[in-house]
Amino acid sequence: MPSINGMSSPAMDYASEVYSANLAKAAQEQRGKQSLELLEAAAKSVTPAASSGSHTTTDNLGQNINVNV
């Protein structure tokens, strides 16, 4: 590998690793930020019945099964 600006091959390898690690860290931080935004958006869209603690309107959802024979 040719040297760039007088940097030797081991120095270039180290710089490449540092750059790759920095990119990976930035990508991980972005994914974490997106996940937090998604959780915040999901928390805002909670139905009033579910958030108020009164579950009488949602307790029986899915409990009735119509069977025709």
PDB file of N, CA and C in Angstrom:
ATOM      1  N   MET A   1       0.854  -1.178   0.000  1.00  0.00           N
ATOM      2  CA  MET A   1       0.000   0.000   0.000  1.00  0.00           C
ATOM      3  C   MET A   1       0.894   1.233   0.000  1.00  0.00           C
ATOM      4  N   PRO A   2       0.700   2.139  -0.908  1.00  0.00           N
ATOM      5  CA  PRO A   2       1.545   3.337  -0.947  1.00  0.00           C
ATOM      6  C   PRO A   2       1.202   4.267   0.220  1.00  0.00           C
ATOM      7  N   SER A   3       2.188   5.042   0.592  1.00  0.00           N
ATOM      8  CA  SER A   3       1.961   5.974   1.696  1.00  0.00           C
ATOM      9  C   SER A   3       1.287   7.240   1.176  1.00  0.00           C
ATOM     10  N   ILE A   4       0.444   7.811   2.018  1.00  0.00           N
ATOM     11  CA  ILE A   4      -0.244   9.044   1.678  1.00  0.00           C
ATOM     12  C   ILE A   4       0.226  10.114   2.648  1.00  0.00           C
ATOM     13  N   ASN A   5       0.713  11.212   2.108  1.00  0.00           N
ATOM     14  CA  ASN A   5       1.224  12.316   2.932  1.00  0.00           C
ATOM     15  C   ASN A   5       2.260  11.838   3.934  1.00  0.00           C
ATOM     16  N   GLY A   6       3.074  10.893   3.550  1.00  0.00           N
ATOM     17  CA  GLY A   6       4.154  10.426   4.397  1.00  0.00           C
ATOM     18  C   GLY A   6       3.737   9.431   5.460  1.00  0.00           C
ATOM     19  N   MET A   7       2.496   8.984   5.462  1.00  0.00           N
ATOM     20  CA  MET A   7       2.047   8.022   6.465  1.00  0.00           C
ATOM     21  C   MET A   7       2.419   6.615   6.009  1.00  0.00           C
ATOM     22  N   SER A   8       2.944   5.837   6.928  1.00  0.00           N
ATOM     23  CA  SER A   8       3.333   4.471   6.599  1.00  0.00           C
ATOM     24  C   SER A   8       2.111   3.565   6.579  1.00  0.00           C
ATOM     25  N   SER A   9       2.280   2.358   6.148  1.00  0.00           N
ATOM     26  CA  SER A   9       1.176   1.407   6.056  1.00  0.00           C
ATOM     27  C   SER A   9       0.552   1.103   7.416  1.00  0.00           C
ATOM     28  N   PRO A  10       1.326   0.854   8.488  1.00  0.00           N
ATOM     29  CA  PRO A  10       0.677   0.630   9.788  1.00  0.00           C
ATOM     30  C   PRO A  10      -0.120   1.839  10.270  1.00  0.00           C
ATOM     31  N   ALA A  11       0.386   3.015  10.011  1.00  0.00           N
ATOM     32  CA  ALA A  11      -0.343   4.220  10.413  1.00  0.00           C
ATOM     33  C   ALA A  11      -1.639   4.349   9.618  1.00  0.00           C
ATOM     34  N   MET A  12      -1.602   3.997   8.347  1.00  0.00           N
ATOM     35  CA  MET A  12      -2.808   4.037   7.521  1.00  0.00           C
ATOM     36  C   MET A  12      -3.816   2.995   8.003  1.00  0.00           C
ATOM     37  N   ASP A  13      -3.314   1.806   8.388  1.00  0.00           N
ATOM     38  CA  ASP A  13      -4.204   0.768   8.905  1.00  0.00           C
ATOM     39  C   ASP A  13      -4.904   1.253  10.175  1.00  0.00           C
ATOM     40  N   TYR A  14      -4.136   1.876  11.055  1.00  0.00           N
ATOM     41  CA  TYR A  14      -4.702   2.389  12.304  1.00  0.00           C
ATOM     42  C   TYR A  14      -5.732   3.483  12.010  1.00  0.00           C
ATOM     43  N   ALA A  15      -5.391   4.398  11.110  1.00  0.00           N
ATOM     44  CA  ALA A  15      -6.310   5.481  10.763  1.00  0.00           C
ATOM     45  C   ALA A  15      -7.591   4.919  10.150  1.00  0.00           C
ATOM     46  N   SER A  16      -7.459   3.889   9.342  1.00  0.00           N
ATOM     47  CA  SER A  16      -8.628   3.265   8.730  1.00  0.00           C
ATOM     48  C   SER A  16      -9.511   2.618   9.787  1.00  0.00           C
ATOM     49  N   GLU A  17      -8.908   1.950  10.762  1.00  0.00           N
ATOM     50  CA  GLU A  17      -9.679   1.330  11.840  1.00  0.00           C
ATOM     51  C   GLU A  17     -10.398   2.383  12.684  1.00  0.00           C
ATOM     52  N   VAL A  18      -9.720   3.457  12.993  1.00  0.00           N
ATOM     53  CA  VAL A  18     -10.322   4.533  13.781  1.00  0.00           C
ATOM     54  C   VAL A  18     -11.488   5.150  13.016  1.00  0.00           C
ATOM     55  N   TYR A  19     -11.298   5.367  11.731  1.00  0.00           N
ATOM     56  CA  TYR A  19     -12.356   5.940  10.908  1.00  0.00           C
ATOM     57  C   TYR A  19     -13.565   5.004  10.857  1.00  0.00           C
ATOM     58  N   SER A  20     -13.313   3.706  10.669  1.00  0.00           N
ATOM     59  CA  SER A  20     -14.402   2.728  10.625  1.00  0.00           C
ATOM     60  C   SER A  20     -15.144   2.669  11.958  1.00  0.00           C
ATOM     61  N   ALA A  21     -14.402   2.702  13.051  1.00  0.00           N
ATOM     62  CA  ALA A  21     -15.028   2.666  14.375  1.00  0.00           C
ATOM     63  C   ALA A  21     -15.869   3.922  14.601  1.00  0.00           C
ATOM     64  N   ASN A  22     -15.382   5.052  14.142  1.00  0.00           N
ATOM     65  CA  ASN A  22     -16.115   6.302  14.282  1.00  0.00           C
ATOM     66  C   ASN A  22     -17.411   6.269  13.476  1.00  0.00           C
ATOM     67  N   LEU A  23     -17.363   5.711  12.265  1.00  0.00           N
ATOM     68  CA  LEU A  23     -18.568   5.580  11.457  1.00  0.00           C
ATOM     69  C   LEU A  23     -19.566   4.631  12.120  1.00  0.00           C
ATOM     70  N   ALA A  24     -19.072   3.530  12.670  1.00  0.00           N
ATOM     71  CA  ALA A  24     -19.957   2.570  13.337  1.00  0.00           C
ATOM     72  C   ALA A  24     -20.615   3.202  14.562  1.00  0.00           C
ATOM     73  N   LYS A  25     -19.859   3.987  15.305  1.00  0.00           N
ATOM     74  CA  LYS A  25     -20.404   4.660  16.483  1.00  0.00           C
ATOM     75  C   LYS A  25     -21.491   5.652  16.079  1.00  0.00           C
ATOM     76  N   ALA A  26     -21.245   6.412  15.024  1.00  0.00           N
ATOM     77  CA  ALA A  26     -22.226   7.385  14.559  1.00  0.00           C
ATOM     78  C   ALA A  26     -23.507   6.681  14.095  1.00  0.00           C
ATOM     79  N   ALA A  27     -23.351   5.556  13.412  1.00  0.00           N
ATOM     80  CA  ALA A  27     -24.519   4.803  12.944  1.00  0.00           C
ATOM     81  C   ALA A  27     -25.308   4.251  14.129  1.00  0.00           C
ATOM     82  N   GLN A  28     -24.598   3.755  15.145  1.00  0.00           N
ATOM     83  CA  GLN A  28     -25.267   3.211  16.326  1.00  0.00           C
ATOM     84  C   GLN A  28     -26.001   4.316  17.079  1.00  0.00           C
ATOM     85  N   GLU A  29     -25.404   5.483  17.193  1.00  0.00           N
ATOM     86  CA  GLU A  29     -26.061   6.601  17.865  1.00  0.00           C
ATOM     87  C   GLU A  29     -27.314   7.025  17.095  1.00  0.00           C
ATOM     88  N   GLN A  30     -27.243   7.012  15.762  1.00  0.00           N
ATOM     89  CA  GLN A  30     -28.396   7.383  14.944  1.00  0.00           C
ATOM     90  C   GLN A  30     -29.522   6.375  15.129  1.00  0.00           C
ATOM     91  N   ARG A  31     -29.186   5.081  15.149  1.00  0.00           N
ATOM     92  CA  ARG A  31     -30.210   4.049  15.363  1.00  0.00           C
ATOM     93  C   ARG A  31     -30.839   4.196  16.739  1.00  0.00           C
ATOM     94  N   GLY A  32     -30.036   4.503  17.737  1.00  0.00           N
ATOM     95  CA  GLY A  32     -30.565   4.707  19.085  1.00  0.00           C
ATOM     96  C   GLY A  32     -31.498   5.903  19.151  1.00  0.00           C
ATOM     97  N   LYS A  33     -31.116   6.969  18.477  1.00  0.00           N
ATOM     98  CA  LYS A  33     -31.946   8.177  18.444  1.00  0.00           C
ATOM     99  C   LYS A  33     -33.277   7.885  17.755  1.00  0.00           C
ATOM    100  N   GLN A  34     -33.234   7.151  16.649  1.00  0.00           N
ATOM    101  CA  GLN A  34     -34.462   6.799  15.935  1.00  0.00           C
ATOM    102  C   GLN A  34     -35.347   5.905  16.798  1.00  0.00           C
ATOM    103  N   SER A  35     -34.735   4.985  17.538  1.00  0.00           N
ATOM    104  CA  SER A  35     -35.512   4.101  18.406  1.00  0.00           C
ATOM    105  C   SER A  35     -36.213   4.890  19.509  1.00  0.00           C
ATOM    106  N   LEU A  36     -35.510   5.837  20.101  1.00  0.00           N
ATOM    107  CA  LEU A  36     -36.115   6.664  21.141  1.00  0.00           C
ATOM    108  C   LEU A  36     -37.259   7.504  20.582  1.00  0.00           C
ATOM    109  N   GLU A  37     -37.081   8.043  19.380  1.00  0.00           N
ATOM    110  CA  GLU A  37     -38.151   8.828  18.758  1.00  0.00           C
ATOM    111  C   GLU A  37     -39.364   7.950  18.473  1.00  0.00           C
ATOM    112  N   LEU A  38     -39.121   6.713  18.052  1.00  0.00           N
ATOM    113  CA  LEU A  38     -40.218   5.784  17.786  1.00  0.00           C
ATOM    114  C   LEU A  38     -40.969   5.452  19.069  1.00  0.00           C
ATOM    115  N   LEU A  39     -40.241   5.231  20.151  1.00  0.00           N
ATOM    116  CA  LEU A  39     -40.885   4.946  21.436  1.00  0.00           C
ATOM    117  C   LEU A  39     -41.693   6.140  21.930  1.00  0.00           C
ATOM    118  N   GLU A  40     -41.145   7.326  21.764  1.00  0.00           N
ATOM    119  CA  GLU A  40     -41.882   8.524  22.181  1.00  0.00           C
ATOM    120  C   GLU A  40     -43.161   8.689  21.366  1.00  0.00           C
ATOM    121  N   ALA A  41     -43.082   8.432  20.068  1.00  0.00           N
ATOM    122  CA  ALA A  41     -44.261   8.545  19.211  1.00  0.00           C
ATOM    123  C   ALA A  41     -45.299   7.493  19.596  1.00  0.00           C
ATOM    124  N   ALA A  42     -44.846   6.293  19.930  1.00  0.00           N
ATOM    125  CA  ALA A  42     -45.779   5.236  20.329  1.00  0.00           C
ATOM    126  C   ALA A  42     -46.440   5.578  21.655  1.00  0.00           C
ATOM    127  N   ALA A  43     -45.697   6.191  22.557  1.00  0.00           N
ATOM    128  CA  ALA A  43     -46.258   6.565  23.859  1.00  0.00           C
ATOM    129  C   ALA A  43     -47.301   7.660  23.714  1.00  0.00           C
ATOM    130  N   LYS A  44     -47.135   8.539  22.726  1.00  0.00           N
ATOM    131  CA  LYS A  44     -48.093   9.619  22.510  1.00  0.00           C
ATOM    132  C   LYS A  44     -49.394   9.109  21.906  1.00  0.00           C
ATOM    133  N   SER A  45     -49.348   7.996  21.186  1.00  0.00           N
ATOM    134  CA  SER A  45     -50.536   7.515  20.482  1.00  0.00           C
ATOM    135  C   SER A  45     -51.307   6.464  21.281  1.00  0.00           C
ATOM    136  N   VAL A  46     -51.093   6.400  22.583  1.00  0.00           N
ATOM    137  CA  VAL A  46     -51.819   5.463  23.426  1.00  0.00           C
ATOM    138  C   VAL A  46     -53.269   5.918  23.531  1.00  0.00           C
ATOM    139  N   THR A  47     -54.197   4.986  23.470  1.00  0.00           N
ATOM    140  CA  THR A  47     -55.612   5.345  23.543  1.00  0.00           C
ATOM    141  C   THR A  47     -55.949   5.871  24.929  1.00  0.00           C
ATOM    142  N   PRO A  48     -56.899   6.779  25.040  1.00  0.00           N
ATOM    143  CA  PRO A  48     -57.263   7.344  26.337  1.00  0.00           C
ATOM    144  C   PRO A  48     -57.712   6.275  27.331  1.00  0.00           C
ATOM    145  N   ALA A  49     -58.447   5.263  26.871  1.00  0.00           N
ATOM    146  CA  ALA A  49     -58.921   4.228  27.789  1.00  0.00           C
ATOM    147  C   ALA A  49     -57.741   3.438  28.363  1.00  0.00           C
ATOM    148  N   ALA A  50     -56.755   3.175  27.530  1.00  0.00           N
ATOM    149  CA  ALA A  50     -55.605   2.411  28.006  1.00  0.00           C
ATOM    150  C   ALA A  50     -54.718   3.239  28.922  1.00  0.00           C
ATOM    151  N   SER A  51     -54.614   4.534  28.669  1.00  0.00           N
ATOM    152  CA  SER A  51     -53.734   5.360  29.483  1.00  0.00           C
ATOM    153  C   SER A  51     -54.382   5.805  30.784  1.00  0.00           C
ATOM    154  N   SER A  52     -55.720   5.811  30.861  1.00  0.00           N
ATOM    155  CA  SER A  52     -56.378   6.296  32.060  1.00  0.00           C
ATOM    156  C   SER A  52     -56.487   5.228  33.136  1.00  0.00           C
ATOM    157  N   GLY A  53     -56.270   3.983  32.770  1.00  0.00           N
ATOM    158  CA  GLY A  53     -56.377   2.916  33.749  1.00  0.00           C
ATOM    159  C   GLY A  53     -57.746   2.275  33.754  1.00  0.00           C
ATOM    160  N   SER A  54     -58.715   2.848  33.084  1.00  0.00           N
ATOM    161  CA  SER A  54     -60.041   2.270  32.991  1.00  0.00           C
ATOM    162  C   SER A  54     -60.087   1.379  31.757  1.00  0.00           C
ATOM    163  N   HIS A  55     -60.010   0.098  31.974  1.00  0.00           N
ATOM    164  CA  HIS A  55     -59.926  -0.838  30.857  1.00  0.00           C
ATOM    165  C   HIS A  55     -61.249  -1.545  30.599  1.00  0.00           C
ATOM    166  N   THR A  56     -62.338  -0.994  31.074  1.00  0.00           N
ATOM    167  CA  THR A  56     -63.622  -1.664  30.893  1.00  0.00           C
ATOM    168  C   THR A  56     -64.012  -1.748  29.432  1.00  0.00           C
ATOM    169  N   THR A  57     -63.579  -0.797  28.608  1.00  0.00           N
ATOM    170  CA  THR A  57     -63.954  -0.835  27.199  1.00  0.00           C
ATOM    171  C   THR A  57     -63.077  -1.783  26.399  1.00  0.00           C
ATOM    172  N   THR A  58     -61.897  -2.120  26.897  1.00  0.00           N
ATOM    173  CA  THR A  58     -60.988  -2.964  26.127  1.00  0.00           C
ATOM    174  C   THR A  58     -60.786  -4.335  26.738  1.00  0.00           C
ATOM    175  N   ASP A  59     -61.376  -4.607  27.914  1.00  0.00           N
ATOM    176  CA  ASP A  59     -61.148  -5.892  28.567  1.00  0.00           C
ATOM    177  C   ASP A  59     -61.711  -7.068  27.787  1.00  0.00           C
ATOM    178  N   ASN A  60     -62.784  -6.868  27.045  1.00  0.00           N
ATOM    179  CA  ASN A  60     -63.416  -7.989  26.381  1.00  0.00           C
ATOM    180  C   ASN A  60     -63.144  -8.041  24.885  1.00  0.00           C
ATOM    181  N   LEU A  61     -62.227  -7.269  24.377  1.00  0.00           N
ATOM    182  CA  LEU A  61     -61.915  -7.324  22.958  1.00  0.00           C
ATOM    183  C   LEU A  61     -61.298  -8.674  22.619  1.00  0.00           C
ATOM    184  N   GLY A  62     -61.823  -9.319  21.621  1.00  0.00           N
ATOM    185  CA  GLY A  62     -61.296 -10.604  21.196  1.00  0.00           C
ATOM    186  C   GLY A  62     -61.819 -11.779  21.988  1.00  0.00           C
ATOM    187  N   GLN A  63     -62.733 -11.538  22.914  1.00  0.00           N
ATOM    188  CA  GLN A  63     -63.242 -12.614  23.757  1.00  0.00           C
ATOM    189  C   GLN A  63     -64.406 -13.354  23.114  1.00  0.00           C
ATOM    190  N   ASN A  64     -65.110 -12.722  22.196  1.00  0.00           N
ATOM    191  CA  ASN A  64     -66.283 -13.341  21.568  1.00  0.00           C
ATOM    192  C   ASN A  64     -65.866 -14.036  20.291  1.00  0.00           C
ATOM    193  N   ILE A  65     -66.272 -15.292  20.161  1.00  0.00           N
ATOM    194  CA  ILE A  65     -65.957 -16.058  18.965  1.00  0.00           C
ATOM    195  C   ILE A  65     -67.265 -16.561  18.380  1.00  0.00           C
ATOM    196  N   ASN A  66     -67.533 -16.223  17.144  1.00  0.00           N
ATOM    197  CA  ASN A  66     -68.734 -16.691  16.462  1.00  0.00           C
ATOM    198  C   ASN A  66     -68.404 -17.994  15.753  1.00  0.00           C
ATOM    199  N   VAL A  67     -69.130 -19.057  16.110  1.00  0.00           N
ATOM    200  CA  VAL A  67     -68.909 -20.352  15.476  1.00  0.00           C
ATOM    201  C   VAL A  67     -70.212 -20.769  14.816  1.00  0.00           C
ATOM    202  N   ASN A  68     -70.160 -20.972  13.528  1.00  0.00           N
ATOM    203  CA  ASN A  68     -71.319 -21.439  12.791  1.00  0.00           C
ATOM    204  C   ASN A  68     -71.065 -22.874  12.366  1.00  0.00           C
ATOM    205  N   VAL A  69     -72.017 -23.768  12.735  1.00  0.00           N
ATOM    206  CA  VAL A  69     -71.853 -25.186  12.394  1.00  0.00           C
ATOM    207  C   VAL A  69     -72.933 -25.599  11.423  1.00  0.00           C
TER     208      VAL A  69
END
